[in-house]
Amino acid sequence: MSRKQAELLLAAVILTRSSAYLFSKTGLETLGTFNLLAARFLLGFVVLGIIFFLRLKHASRRDIIGGAIIGAVFTAVMTFELTALKTTDTSTVSFLENTAIVFVPLIEAAIIRRLPKTASIISAAVALCGVGLLTLRGGSFGFTPGELFCLCAAVLYAVGIIVTDRYSHKCDALIVGIVEVGCIGLFSLILSFIFEQPRIPSGGMEWGCVLVLALVCTGFGFTLQPVAQSHTTSQRAGLMCALNPAFASVLGVVFLSEPVTVQGVCGALLILASLYIPHLLEHFGVRRKKTA
């Protein structure tokens, strides 16, 4: 798989997961946070286990450890995200969680003890402005508990991208993704027994939300992220998470008849431009060296 193909796959992964906000918000009306996560990820793991049973039989210890660690990180991410969704607007959650765009290069810089590249900083800043235009339509922040949960989710999301980058390059990325899904389901089930009264989803609405979240957002979205990241960098993957609110806005226009605004269009254009900034700067840098 080439880097371009990997980034197209990552974009498809982000597209499927961008619908999760809507279905999670609906599911949380009747199911507890951990109950919903457990049902979603355990069902997804069962389906994946049946499809890839022969592949899973050859899982190495490193694959399982990597999937468990990534699963633990994303369990925390999803916990903060769903807790925030109970008290905070979806648009605000989308914006604050996607500030991971900025945290990824900063955390990477701290790990390798080297300042981020100029192109990474500029791309992250442009992408964040685009996300802001897409999601912050007259809203304001007061740093409520919900917004603080979103920021915690953003930091952990950035950590999850970096950890996924490390293990996806050293392990069988598909197995890591499947184990990750199973571990998120298992950890959520344990937490559900501790903090909630878990139950099996009932009724068409609950099962509809769980099935979409399990088969589309989890089975495809979570499982293939390590596969896509195994052929690109963590900073590039972090930058591409800005596509999440862009896709969410498009889905809102198509399926919820939300209005198209100039502010939203400008935000989407900034996000798309941010993905090409590193290539443009690299191109001009090469031309400058040749002319010199």
C-alpha atoms as a PDB file:
ATOM      1  CA  MET A   1       0.000   0.000   0.000  1.00  0.00           C
ATOM      2  CA  SER A   2       1.391   3.402  -0.986  1.00  0.00           C
ATOM      3  CA  ARG A   3       1.274   6.418   1.306  1.00  0.00           C
ATOM      4  CA  LYS A   4      -1.415   8.035  -0.853  1.00  0.00           C
ATOM      5  CA  GLN A   5      -3.572   4.877  -0.700  1.00  0.00           C
ATOM      6  CA  ALA A   6      -3.058   4.698   3.069  1.00  0.00           C
ATOM      7  CA  GLU A   7      -4.200   8.288   3.503  1.00  0.00           C
ATOM      8  CA  LEU A   8      -7.258   7.654   1.329  1.00  0.00           C
ATOM      9  CA  LEU A   9      -8.077   4.659   3.552  1.00  0.00           C
ATOM     10  CA  LEU A  10      -7.557   6.821   6.642  1.00  0.00           C
ATOM     11  CA  ALA A  11      -9.900   9.437   5.171  1.00  0.00           C
ATOM     12  CA  ALA A  12     -12.525   6.710   4.611  1.00  0.00           C
ATOM     13  CA  VAL A  13     -12.031   5.539   8.204  1.00  0.00           C
ATOM     14  CA  ILE A  14     -12.554   9.076   9.492  1.00  0.00           C
ATOM     15  CA  LEU A  15     -15.647   9.448   7.296  1.00  0.00           C
ATOM     16  CA  THR A  16     -17.316   6.404   8.858  1.00  0.00           C
ATOM     17  CA  ARG A  17     -16.375   7.478  12.381  1.00  0.00           C
ATOM     18  CA  SER A  18     -17.655  11.024  11.855  1.00  0.00           C
ATOM     19  CA  SER A  19     -21.198   9.645  11.965  1.00  0.00           C
ATOM     20  CA  ALA A  20     -20.569   8.215  15.443  1.00  0.00           C
ATOM     21  CA  TYR A  21     -21.376  11.520  17.204  1.00  0.00           C
ATOM     22  CA  LEU A  22     -24.971  11.419  15.959  1.00  0.00           C
ATOM     23  CA  PHE A  23     -25.638   7.746  16.763  1.00  0.00           C
ATOM     24  CA  SER A  24     -23.827   7.941  20.123  1.00  0.00           C
ATOM     25  CA  LYS A  25     -25.857  10.994  21.128  1.00  0.00           C
ATOM     26  CA  THR A  26     -29.057   9.073  20.319  1.00  0.00           C
ATOM     27  CA  GLY A  27     -27.933   5.892  22.070  1.00  0.00           C
ATOM     28  CA  LEU A  28     -26.969   7.771  25.235  1.00  0.00           C
ATOM     29  CA  GLU A  29     -30.582   8.862  25.719  1.00  0.00           C
ATOM     30  CA  THR A  30     -31.435   5.388  27.074  1.00  0.00           C
ATOM     31  CA  LEU A  31     -28.113   3.541  27.596  1.00  0.00           C
ATOM     32  CA  GLY A  32     -25.286   4.258  30.012  1.00  0.00           C
ATOM     33  CA  THR A  33     -21.916   5.427  28.686  1.00  0.00           C
ATOM     34  CA  PHE A  34     -20.033   2.184  29.377  1.00  0.00           C
ATOM     35  CA  ASN A  35     -23.077   0.061  28.526  1.00  0.00           C
ATOM     36  CA  LEU A  36     -23.223   1.618  25.047  1.00  0.00           C
ATOM     37  CA  LEU A  37     -19.464   1.248  24.535  1.00  0.00           C
ATOM     38  CA  ALA A  38     -19.509  -2.394  25.677  1.00  0.00           C
ATOM     39  CA  ALA A  39     -22.414  -3.318  23.382  1.00  0.00           C
ATOM     40  CA  ARG A  40     -20.884  -1.487  20.436  1.00  0.00           C
ATOM     41  CA  PHE A  41     -17.336  -2.807  20.656  1.00  0.00           C
ATOM     42  CA  LEU A  42     -18.075  -6.367  21.812  1.00  0.00           C
ATOM     43  CA  LEU A  43     -20.551  -6.852  18.958  1.00  0.00           C
ATOM     44  CA  GLY A  44     -17.992  -5.414  16.549  1.00  0.00           C
ATOM     45  CA  PHE A  45     -15.309  -7.750  17.921  1.00  0.00           C
ATOM     46  CA  VAL A  46     -17.534 -10.836  17.532  1.00  0.00           C
ATOM     47  CA  VAL A  47     -18.223  -9.993  13.883  1.00  0.00           C
ATOM     48  CA  LEU A  48     -14.541  -9.298  13.189  1.00  0.00           C
ATOM     49  CA  GLY A  49     -13.520 -12.462  15.036  1.00  0.00           C
ATOM     50  CA  ILE A  50     -15.738 -14.588  12.810  1.00  0.00           C
ATOM     51  CA  ILE A  51     -14.505 -12.947   9.607  1.00  0.00           C
ATOM     52  CA  PHE A  52     -10.791 -12.978  10.498  1.00  0.00           C
ATOM     53  CA  PHE A  53     -10.667 -16.092  12.693  1.00  0.00           C
ATOM     54  CA  LEU A  54      -7.813 -17.722  10.775  1.00  0.00           C
ATOM     55  CA  ARG A  55      -5.783 -14.496  10.859  1.00  0.00           C
ATOM     56  CA  LEU A  56      -6.297 -14.108  14.604  1.00  0.00           C
ATOM     57  CA  LYS A  57      -4.991 -17.642  15.243  1.00  0.00           C
ATOM     58  CA  HIS A  58      -1.551 -16.385  14.236  1.00  0.00           C
ATOM     59  CA  ALA A  59      -1.587 -13.323  16.498  1.00  0.00           C
ATOM     60  CA  SER A  60       1.731 -12.748  18.247  1.00  0.00           C
ATOM     61  CA  ARG A  61       2.226 -11.613  21.818  1.00  0.00           C
ATOM     62  CA  ARG A  62       3.324  -8.194  20.565  1.00  0.00           C
ATOM     63  CA  ASP A  63       0.135  -7.879  18.475  1.00  0.00           C
ATOM     64  CA  ILE A  64      -2.032  -8.602  21.520  1.00  0.00           C
ATOM     65  CA  ILE A  65      -0.078  -6.281  23.830  1.00  0.00           C
ATOM     66  CA  GLY A  66      -0.188  -3.486  21.250  1.00  0.00           C
ATOM     67  CA  GLY A  67      -3.924  -3.883  20.705  1.00  0.00           C
ATOM     68  CA  ALA A  68      -4.550  -3.943  24.474  1.00  0.00           C
ATOM     69  CA  ILE A  69      -2.550  -0.755  25.078  1.00  0.00           C
ATOM     70  CA  ILE A  70      -4.232   1.101  22.213  1.00  0.00           C
ATOM     71  CA  GLY A  71      -7.591  -0.228  23.403  1.00  0.00           C
ATOM     72  CA  ALA A  72      -6.972   1.111  26.913  1.00  0.00           C
ATOM     73  CA  VAL A  73      -6.126   4.571  25.549  1.00  0.00           C
ATOM     74  CA  PHE A  74      -9.171   4.709  23.286  1.00  0.00           C
ATOM     75  CA  THR A  75     -11.431   3.426  26.079  1.00  0.00           C
ATOM     76  CA  ALA A  76     -10.439   6.551  27.991  1.00  0.00           C
ATOM     77  CA  VAL A  77     -10.953   8.702  24.864  1.00  0.00           C
ATOM     78  CA  MET A  78     -14.449   7.315  24.266  1.00  0.00           C
ATOM     79  CA  THR A  79     -15.354   7.634  27.949  1.00  0.00           C
ATOM     80  CA  PHE A  80     -14.480  11.336  28.019  1.00  0.00           C
ATOM     81  CA  GLU A  81     -16.154  11.884  24.632  1.00  0.00           C
ATOM     82  CA  LEU A  82     -19.471  10.247  25.533  1.00  0.00           C
ATOM     83  CA  THR A  83     -19.524  11.853  28.984  1.00  0.00           C
ATOM     84  CA  ALA A  84     -19.061  15.251  27.325  1.00  0.00           C
ATOM     85  CA  LEU A  85     -21.820  14.533  24.781  1.00  0.00           C
ATOM     86  CA  LYS A  86     -24.327  14.228  27.645  1.00  0.00           C
ATOM     87  CA  THR A  87     -23.894  17.880  28.634  1.00  0.00           C
ATOM     88  CA  THR A  88     -22.202  19.602  25.672  1.00  0.00           C
ATOM     89  CA  ASP A  89     -23.278  20.390  22.108  1.00  0.00           C
ATOM     90  CA  THR A  90     -22.037  18.000  19.448  1.00  0.00           C
ATOM     91  CA  SER A  91     -20.334  20.851  17.554  1.00  0.00           C
ATOM     92  CA  THR A  92     -18.348  21.882  20.634  1.00  0.00           C
ATOM     93  CA  VAL A  93     -17.316  18.274  21.323  1.00  0.00           C
ATOM     94  CA  SER A  94     -16.222  17.912  17.697  1.00  0.00           C
ATOM     95  CA  PHE A  95     -14.114  21.068  17.812  1.00  0.00           C
ATOM     96  CA  LEU A  96     -12.416  20.488  21.155  1.00  0.00           C
ATOM     97  CA  GLU A  97     -11.705  16.808  20.562  1.00  0.00           C
ATOM     98  CA  ASN A  98     -10.113  17.625  17.220  1.00  0.00           C
ATOM     99  CA  THR A  99      -7.637  19.982  18.849  1.00  0.00           C
ATOM    100  CA  ALA A 100      -5.672  16.715  18.836  1.00  0.00           C
ATOM    101  CA  ILE A 101      -4.413  18.165  15.540  1.00  0.00           C
ATOM    102  CA  VAL A 102      -2.196  20.448  17.596  1.00  0.00           C
ATOM    103  CA  PHE A 103      -1.362  18.014  20.398  1.00  0.00           C
ATOM    104  CA  VAL A 104       0.068  15.297  18.114  1.00  0.00           C
ATOM    105  CA  PRO A 105       3.092  17.300  16.839  1.00  0.00           C
ATOM    106  CA  LEU A 106       3.667  18.785  20.302  1.00  0.00           C
ATOM    107  CA  ILE A 107       3.712  15.376  22.018  1.00  0.00           C
ATOM    108  CA  GLU A 108       5.889  13.926  19.243  1.00  0.00           C
ATOM    109  CA  ALA A 109       8.302  16.840  19.664  1.00  0.00           C
ATOM    110  CA  ALA A 110       8.486  16.206  23.412  1.00  0.00           C
ATOM    111  CA  ILE A 111       9.178  12.493  22.835  1.00  0.00           C
ATOM    112  CA  ILE A 112      11.994  12.997  20.323  1.00  0.00           C
ATOM    113  CA  ARG A 113      13.163  16.243  21.983  1.00  0.00           C
ATOM    114  CA  ARG A 114      13.067  18.190  18.776  1.00  0.00           C
ATOM    115  CA  LEU A 115      10.880  21.113  17.717  1.00  0.00           C
ATOM    116  CA  PRO A 116       8.098  20.285  15.226  1.00  0.00           C
ATOM    117  CA  LYS A 117       8.723  21.113  11.577  1.00  0.00           C
ATOM    118  CA  THR A 118       7.480  24.495  10.405  1.00  0.00           C
ATOM    119  CA  ALA A 119       5.177  22.807   7.901  1.00  0.00           C
ATOM    120  CA  SER A 120       3.551  20.747  10.685  1.00  0.00           C
ATOM    121  CA  ILE A 121       2.926  23.827  12.821  1.00  0.00           C
ATOM    122  CA  ILE A 122       1.443  25.829   9.932  1.00  0.00           C
ATOM    123  CA  SER A 123      -0.722  22.893   8.783  1.00  0.00           C
ATOM    124  CA  ALA A 124      -2.035  22.279  12.308  1.00  0.00           C
ATOM    125  CA  ALA A 125      -2.859  25.973  12.803  1.00  0.00           C
ATOM    126  CA  VAL A 126      -4.700  26.235   9.464  1.00  0.00           C
ATOM    127  CA  ALA A 127      -6.589  22.981  10.131  1.00  0.00           C
ATOM    128  CA  LEU A 128      -7.609  24.134  13.609  1.00  0.00           C
ATOM    129  CA  CYS A 129      -8.935  27.407  12.177  1.00  0.00           C
ATOM    130  CA  GLY A 130     -10.928  25.381   9.657  1.00  0.00           C
ATOM    131  CA  VAL A 131     -12.370  23.143  12.359  1.00  0.00           C
ATOM    132  CA  GLY A 132     -13.291  26.245  14.351  1.00  0.00           C
ATOM    133  CA  LEU A 133     -15.162  27.793  11.415  1.00  0.00           C
ATOM    134  CA  LEU A 134     -17.013  24.529  10.827  1.00  0.00           C
ATOM    135  CA  THR A 135     -18.083  23.883  14.392  1.00  0.00           C
ATOM    136  CA  LEU A 136     -18.141  27.136  16.365  1.00  0.00           C
ATOM    137  CA  ARG A 137     -21.139  28.978  15.045  1.00  0.00           C
ATOM    138  CA  GLY A 138     -21.811  31.628  17.616  1.00  0.00           C
ATOM    139  CA  GLY A 139     -20.909  29.326  20.493  1.00  0.00           C
ATOM    140  CA  SER A 140     -18.802  30.300  23.484  1.00  0.00           C
ATOM    141  CA  PHE A 141     -16.632  28.471  25.972  1.00  0.00           C
ATOM    142  CA  GLY A 142     -16.900  28.701  29.723  1.00  0.00           C
ATOM    143  CA  PHE A 143     -14.726  25.686  30.480  1.00  0.00           C
ATOM    144  CA  THR A 144     -17.619  23.708  31.841  1.00  0.00           C
ATOM    145  CA  PRO A 145     -16.983  20.116  32.987  1.00  0.00           C
ATOM    146  CA  GLY A 146     -18.156  18.880  29.583  1.00  0.00           C
ATOM    147  CA  GLU A 147     -15.623  21.060  27.764  1.00  0.00           C
ATOM    148  CA  LEU A 148     -12.841  19.945  30.093  1.00  0.00           C
ATOM    149  CA  PHE A 149     -13.770  16.334  29.316  1.00  0.00           C
ATOM    150  CA  CYS A 150     -13.444  17.194  25.612  1.00  0.00           C
ATOM    151  CA  LEU A 151      -9.936  18.559  26.113  1.00  0.00           C
ATOM    152  CA  CYS A 152      -8.962  15.410  28.028  1.00  0.00           C
ATOM    153  CA  ALA A 153     -10.328  13.369  25.123  1.00  0.00           C
ATOM    154  CA  ALA A 154      -8.263  15.462  22.688  1.00  0.00           C
ATOM    155  CA  VAL A 155      -4.994  14.879  24.563  1.00  0.00           C
ATOM    156  CA  LEU A 156      -5.691  11.152  24.872  1.00  0.00           C
ATOM    157  CA  TYR A 157      -6.752  10.990  21.217  1.00  0.00           C
ATOM    158  CA  ALA A 158      -3.370  12.454  20.273  1.00  0.00           C
ATOM    159  CA  VAL A 159      -1.646   9.869  22.499  1.00  0.00           C
ATOM    160  CA  GLY A 160      -3.733   7.145  20.854  1.00  0.00           C
ATOM    161  CA  ILE A 161      -2.644   8.245  17.376  1.00  0.00           C
ATOM    162  CA  ILE A 162       1.017   8.194  18.410  1.00  0.00           C
ATOM    163  CA  VAL A 163       0.771   4.797  20.151  1.00  0.00           C
ATOM    164  CA  THR A 164      -1.087   3.387  17.142  1.00  0.00           C
ATOM    165  CA  ASP A 165       1.705   4.689  14.918  1.00  0.00           C
ATOM    166  CA  ARG A 166       4.338   2.866  16.976  1.00  0.00           C
ATOM    167  CA  TYR A 167       2.602  -0.521  17.079  1.00  0.00           C
ATOM    168  CA  SER A 168       1.145  -0.451  13.548  1.00  0.00           C
ATOM    169  CA  HIS A 169       4.668  -0.275  12.103  1.00  0.00           C
ATOM    170  CA  LYS A 170       5.979  -3.159  14.245  1.00  0.00           C
ATOM    171  CA  CYS A 171       3.007  -5.554  14.330  1.00  0.00           C
ATOM    172  CA  ASP A 172       0.271  -7.022  12.161  1.00  0.00           C
ATOM    173  CA  ALA A 173      -1.811  -3.856  11.913  1.00  0.00           C
ATOM    174  CA  LEU A 174      -5.099  -5.642  11.206  1.00  0.00           C
ATOM    175  CA  ILE A 175      -4.749  -7.956  14.213  1.00  0.00           C
ATOM    176  CA  VAL A 176      -3.805  -4.969  16.390  1.00  0.00           C
ATOM    177  CA  GLY A 177      -6.987  -3.211  15.257  1.00  0.00           C
ATOM    178  CA  ILE A 178      -9.202  -6.215  16.003  1.00  0.00           C
ATOM    179  CA  VAL A 179      -7.638  -6.778  19.443  1.00  0.00           C
ATOM    180  CA  GLU A 180      -8.062  -3.059  20.144  1.00  0.00           C
ATOM    181  CA  VAL A 181     -11.800  -3.312  19.431  1.00  0.00           C
ATOM    182  CA  GLY A 182     -12.153  -6.356  21.701  1.00  0.00           C
ATOM    183  CA  CYS A 183     -10.228  -4.702  24.541  1.00  0.00           C
ATOM    184  CA  ILE A 184     -12.317  -1.517  24.375  1.00  0.00           C
ATOM    185  CA  GLY A 185     -15.430  -3.691  24.643  1.00  0.00           C
ATOM    186  CA  LEU A 186     -14.012  -5.723  27.541  1.00  0.00           C
ATOM    187  CA  PHE A 187     -12.769  -2.686  29.493  1.00  0.00           C
ATOM    188  CA  SER A 188     -16.101  -0.919  28.954  1.00  0.00           C
ATOM    189  CA  LEU A 189     -18.044  -3.972  30.144  1.00  0.00           C
ATOM    190  CA  ILE A 190     -15.995  -4.113  33.352  1.00  0.00           C
ATOM    191  CA  LEU A 191     -16.525  -0.385  33.950  1.00  0.00           C
ATOM    192  CA  SER A 192     -20.226  -0.790  33.224  1.00  0.00           C
ATOM    193  CA  PHE A 193     -20.572  -3.399  35.992  1.00  0.00           C
ATOM    194  CA  ILE A 194     -18.683  -1.104  38.383  1.00  0.00           C
ATOM    195  CA  PHE A 195     -20.443   2.214  37.667  1.00  0.00           C
ATOM    196  CA  GLU A 196     -23.718   1.280  35.958  1.00  0.00           C
ATOM    197  CA  GLN A 197     -26.370  -1.425  35.722  1.00  0.00           C
ATOM    198  CA  PRO A 198     -25.585  -2.985  32.328  1.00  0.00           C
ATOM    199  CA  ARG A 199     -28.318  -4.456  30.172  1.00  0.00           C
ATOM    200  CA  ILE A 200     -28.730  -5.779  26.655  1.00  0.00           C
ATOM    201  CA  PRO A 201     -30.050  -3.132  24.217  1.00  0.00           C
ATOM    202  CA  SER A 202     -33.763  -3.404  23.494  1.00  0.00           C
ATOM    203  CA  GLY A 203     -36.076  -1.875  20.940  1.00  0.00           C
ATOM    204  CA  GLY A 204     -35.478  -0.816  17.357  1.00  0.00           C
ATOM    205  CA  MET A 205     -33.897   2.535  18.192  1.00  0.00           C
ATOM    206  CA  GLU A 206     -31.277   1.147  20.596  1.00  0.00           C
ATOM    207  CA  TRP A 207     -30.366  -1.807  18.405  1.00  0.00           C
ATOM    208  CA  GLY A 208     -30.242   0.424  15.333  1.00  0.00           C
ATOM    209  CA  CYS A 209     -27.722   2.755  16.985  1.00  0.00           C
ATOM    210  CA  VAL A 210     -25.642  -0.128  18.354  1.00  0.00           C
ATOM    211  CA  LEU A 211     -25.563  -1.955  15.007  1.00  0.00           C
ATOM    212  CA  VAL A 212     -24.442   1.102  13.046  1.00  0.00           C
ATOM    213  CA  LEU A 213     -21.830   1.970  15.670  1.00  0.00           C
ATOM    214  CA  ALA A 214     -20.593  -1.643  15.845  1.00  0.00           C
ATOM    215  CA  LEU A 215     -20.510  -2.569  12.171  1.00  0.00           C
ATOM    216  CA  VAL A 216     -19.689   0.736  10.476  1.00  0.00           C
ATOM    217  CA  CYS A 217     -18.018   3.064  12.964  1.00  0.00           C
ATOM    218  CA  THR A 218     -16.188   0.288  14.852  1.00  0.00           C
ATOM    219  CA  GLY A 219     -15.840  -2.694  12.503  1.00  0.00           C
ATOM    220  CA  PHE A 220     -14.500  -0.510   9.719  1.00  0.00           C
ATOM    221  CA  GLY A 221     -13.511   2.731  11.434  1.00  0.00           C
ATOM    222  CA  PHE A 222     -11.480   1.513  14.406  1.00  0.00           C
ATOM    223  CA  THR A 223     -10.128  -1.718  12.942  1.00  0.00           C
ATOM    224  CA  LEU A 224      -8.575  -0.233   9.813  1.00  0.00           C
ATOM    225  CA  GLN A 225      -7.023   2.852  11.424  1.00  0.00           C
ATOM    226  CA  PRO A 226      -3.854   0.912  12.430  1.00  0.00           C
ATOM    227  CA  VAL A 227      -3.699  -0.536   8.902  1.00  0.00           C
ATOM    228  CA  ALA A 228      -3.833   2.937   7.376  1.00  0.00           C
ATOM    229  CA  GLN A 229      -1.393   4.415   9.899  1.00  0.00           C
ATOM    230  CA  SER A 230       1.150   1.674   9.190  1.00  0.00           C
ATOM    231  CA  HIS A 231       1.882   3.435   5.889  1.00  0.00           C
ATOM    232  CA  THR A 232       1.981   7.061   7.018  1.00  0.00           C
ATOM    233  CA  THR A 233       3.257   9.183   9.922  1.00  0.00           C
ATOM    234  CA  SER A 234       1.545  10.003  13.207  1.00  0.00           C
ATOM    235  CA  GLN A 235       1.702  13.739  12.483  1.00  0.00           C
ATOM    236  CA  ARG A 236       0.010  13.221   9.128  1.00  0.00           C
ATOM    237  CA  ALA A 237      -2.641  11.028  10.759  1.00  0.00           C
ATOM    238  CA  GLY A 238      -3.215  13.645  13.460  1.00  0.00           C
ATOM    239  CA  LEU A 239      -3.659  16.345  10.832  1.00  0.00           C
ATOM    240  CA  MET A 240      -6.178  14.245   8.938  1.00  0.00           C
ATOM    241  CA  CYS A 241      -8.428  13.968  11.979  1.00  0.00           C
ATOM    242  CA  ALA A 242      -9.513  17.500  11.009  1.00  0.00           C
ATOM    243  CA  LEU A 243     -11.544  15.787   8.287  1.00  0.00           C
ATOM    244  CA  ASN A 244     -13.848  14.438  11.025  1.00  0.00           C
ATOM    245  CA  PRO A 245     -15.912  17.628  11.526  1.00  0.00           C
ATOM    246  CA  ALA A 246     -15.765  18.334   7.784  1.00  0.00           C
ATOM    247  CA  PHE A 247     -17.352  14.977   7.003  1.00  0.00           C
ATOM    248  CA  ALA A 248     -19.785  15.413   9.901  1.00  0.00           C
ATOM    249  CA  SER A 249     -20.917  18.734   8.406  1.00  0.00           C
ATOM    250  CA  VAL A 250     -21.422  17.138   4.984  1.00  0.00           C
ATOM    251  CA  LEU A 251     -23.476  14.330   6.553  1.00  0.00           C
ATOM    252  CA  GLY A 252     -25.527  16.961   8.380  1.00  0.00           C
ATOM    253  CA  VAL A 253     -26.278  18.763   5.116  1.00  0.00           C
ATOM    254  CA  VAL A 254     -27.151  15.547   3.243  1.00  0.00           C
ATOM    255  CA  PHE A 255     -29.129  13.635   5.888  1.00  0.00           C
ATOM    256  CA  LEU A 256     -30.339  16.295   8.334  1.00  0.00           C
ATOM    257  CA  SER A 257     -30.955  19.126   5.829  1.00  0.00           C
ATOM    258  CA  GLU A 258     -28.662  21.453   7.757  1.00  0.00           C
ATOM    259  CA  PRO A 259     -27.988  24.790   5.986  1.00  0.00           C
ATOM    260  CA  VAL A 260     -24.808  25.374   3.986  1.00  0.00           C
ATOM    261  CA  THR A 261     -23.085  28.524   5.261  1.00  0.00           C
ATOM    262  CA  VAL A 262     -20.206  30.581   3.900  1.00  0.00           C
ATOM    263  CA  GLN A 263     -18.427  30.082   7.235  1.00  0.00           C
ATOM    264  CA  GLY A 264     -18.758  26.310   6.935  1.00  0.00           C
ATOM    265  CA  VAL A 265     -17.516  26.253   3.342  1.00  0.00           C
ATOM    266  CA  CYS A 266     -14.493  28.390   4.300  1.00  0.00           C
ATOM    267  CA  GLY A 267     -13.764  26.032   7.187  1.00  0.00           C
ATOM    268  CA  ALA A 268     -13.874  22.972   4.921  1.00  0.00           C
ATOM    269  CA  LEU A 269     -11.583  24.674   2.387  1.00  0.00           C
ATOM    270  CA  LEU A 270      -9.067  25.536   5.122  1.00  0.00           C
ATOM    271  CA  ILE A 271      -9.019  21.913   6.296  1.00  0.00           C
ATOM    272  CA  LEU A 272      -8.418  20.653   2.761  1.00  0.00           C
ATOM    273  CA  ALA A 273      -5.721  23.295   2.240  1.00  0.00           C
ATOM    274  CA  SER A 274      -3.954  22.255   5.458  1.00  0.00           C
ATOM    275  CA  LEU A 275      -3.465  18.737   4.068  1.00  0.00           C
ATOM    276  CA  TYR A 276      -1.560  20.105   1.074  1.00  0.00           C
ATOM    277  CA  ILE A 277       0.572  22.706   2.876  1.00  0.00           C
ATOM    278  CA  PRO A 278       3.451  20.270   3.669  1.00  0.00           C
ATOM    279  CA  HIS A 279       3.597  19.197   0.021  1.00  0.00           C
ATOM    280  CA  LEU A 280       3.578  22.813  -1.195  1.00  0.00           C
ATOM    281  CA  LEU A 281       6.302  23.902   1.216  1.00  0.00           C
ATOM    282  CA  GLU A 282       8.400  20.869   0.300  1.00  0.00           C
ATOM    283  CA  HIS A 283       7.920  21.604  -3.418  1.00  0.00           C
ATOM    284  CA  PHE A 284       8.951  25.256  -3.069  1.00  0.00           C
ATOM    285  CA  GLY A 285      11.877  24.227  -0.864  1.00  0.00           C
ATOM    286  CA  VAL A 286      13.134  21.843  -3.544  1.00  0.00           C
ATOM    287  CA  ARG A 287      12.756  24.465  -6.272  1.00  0.00           C
ATOM    288  CA  ARG A 288      14.586  27.042  -4.169  1.00  0.00           C
ATOM    289  CA  LYS A 289      17.508  24.655  -3.684  1.00  0.00           C
ATOM    290  CA  LYS A 290      17.697  23.964  -7.415  1.00  0.00           C
ATOM    291  CA  THR A 291      17.660  27.648  -8.357  1.00  0.00           C
ATOM    292  CA  ALA A 292      20.281  28.386  -5.710  1.00  0.00           C
END
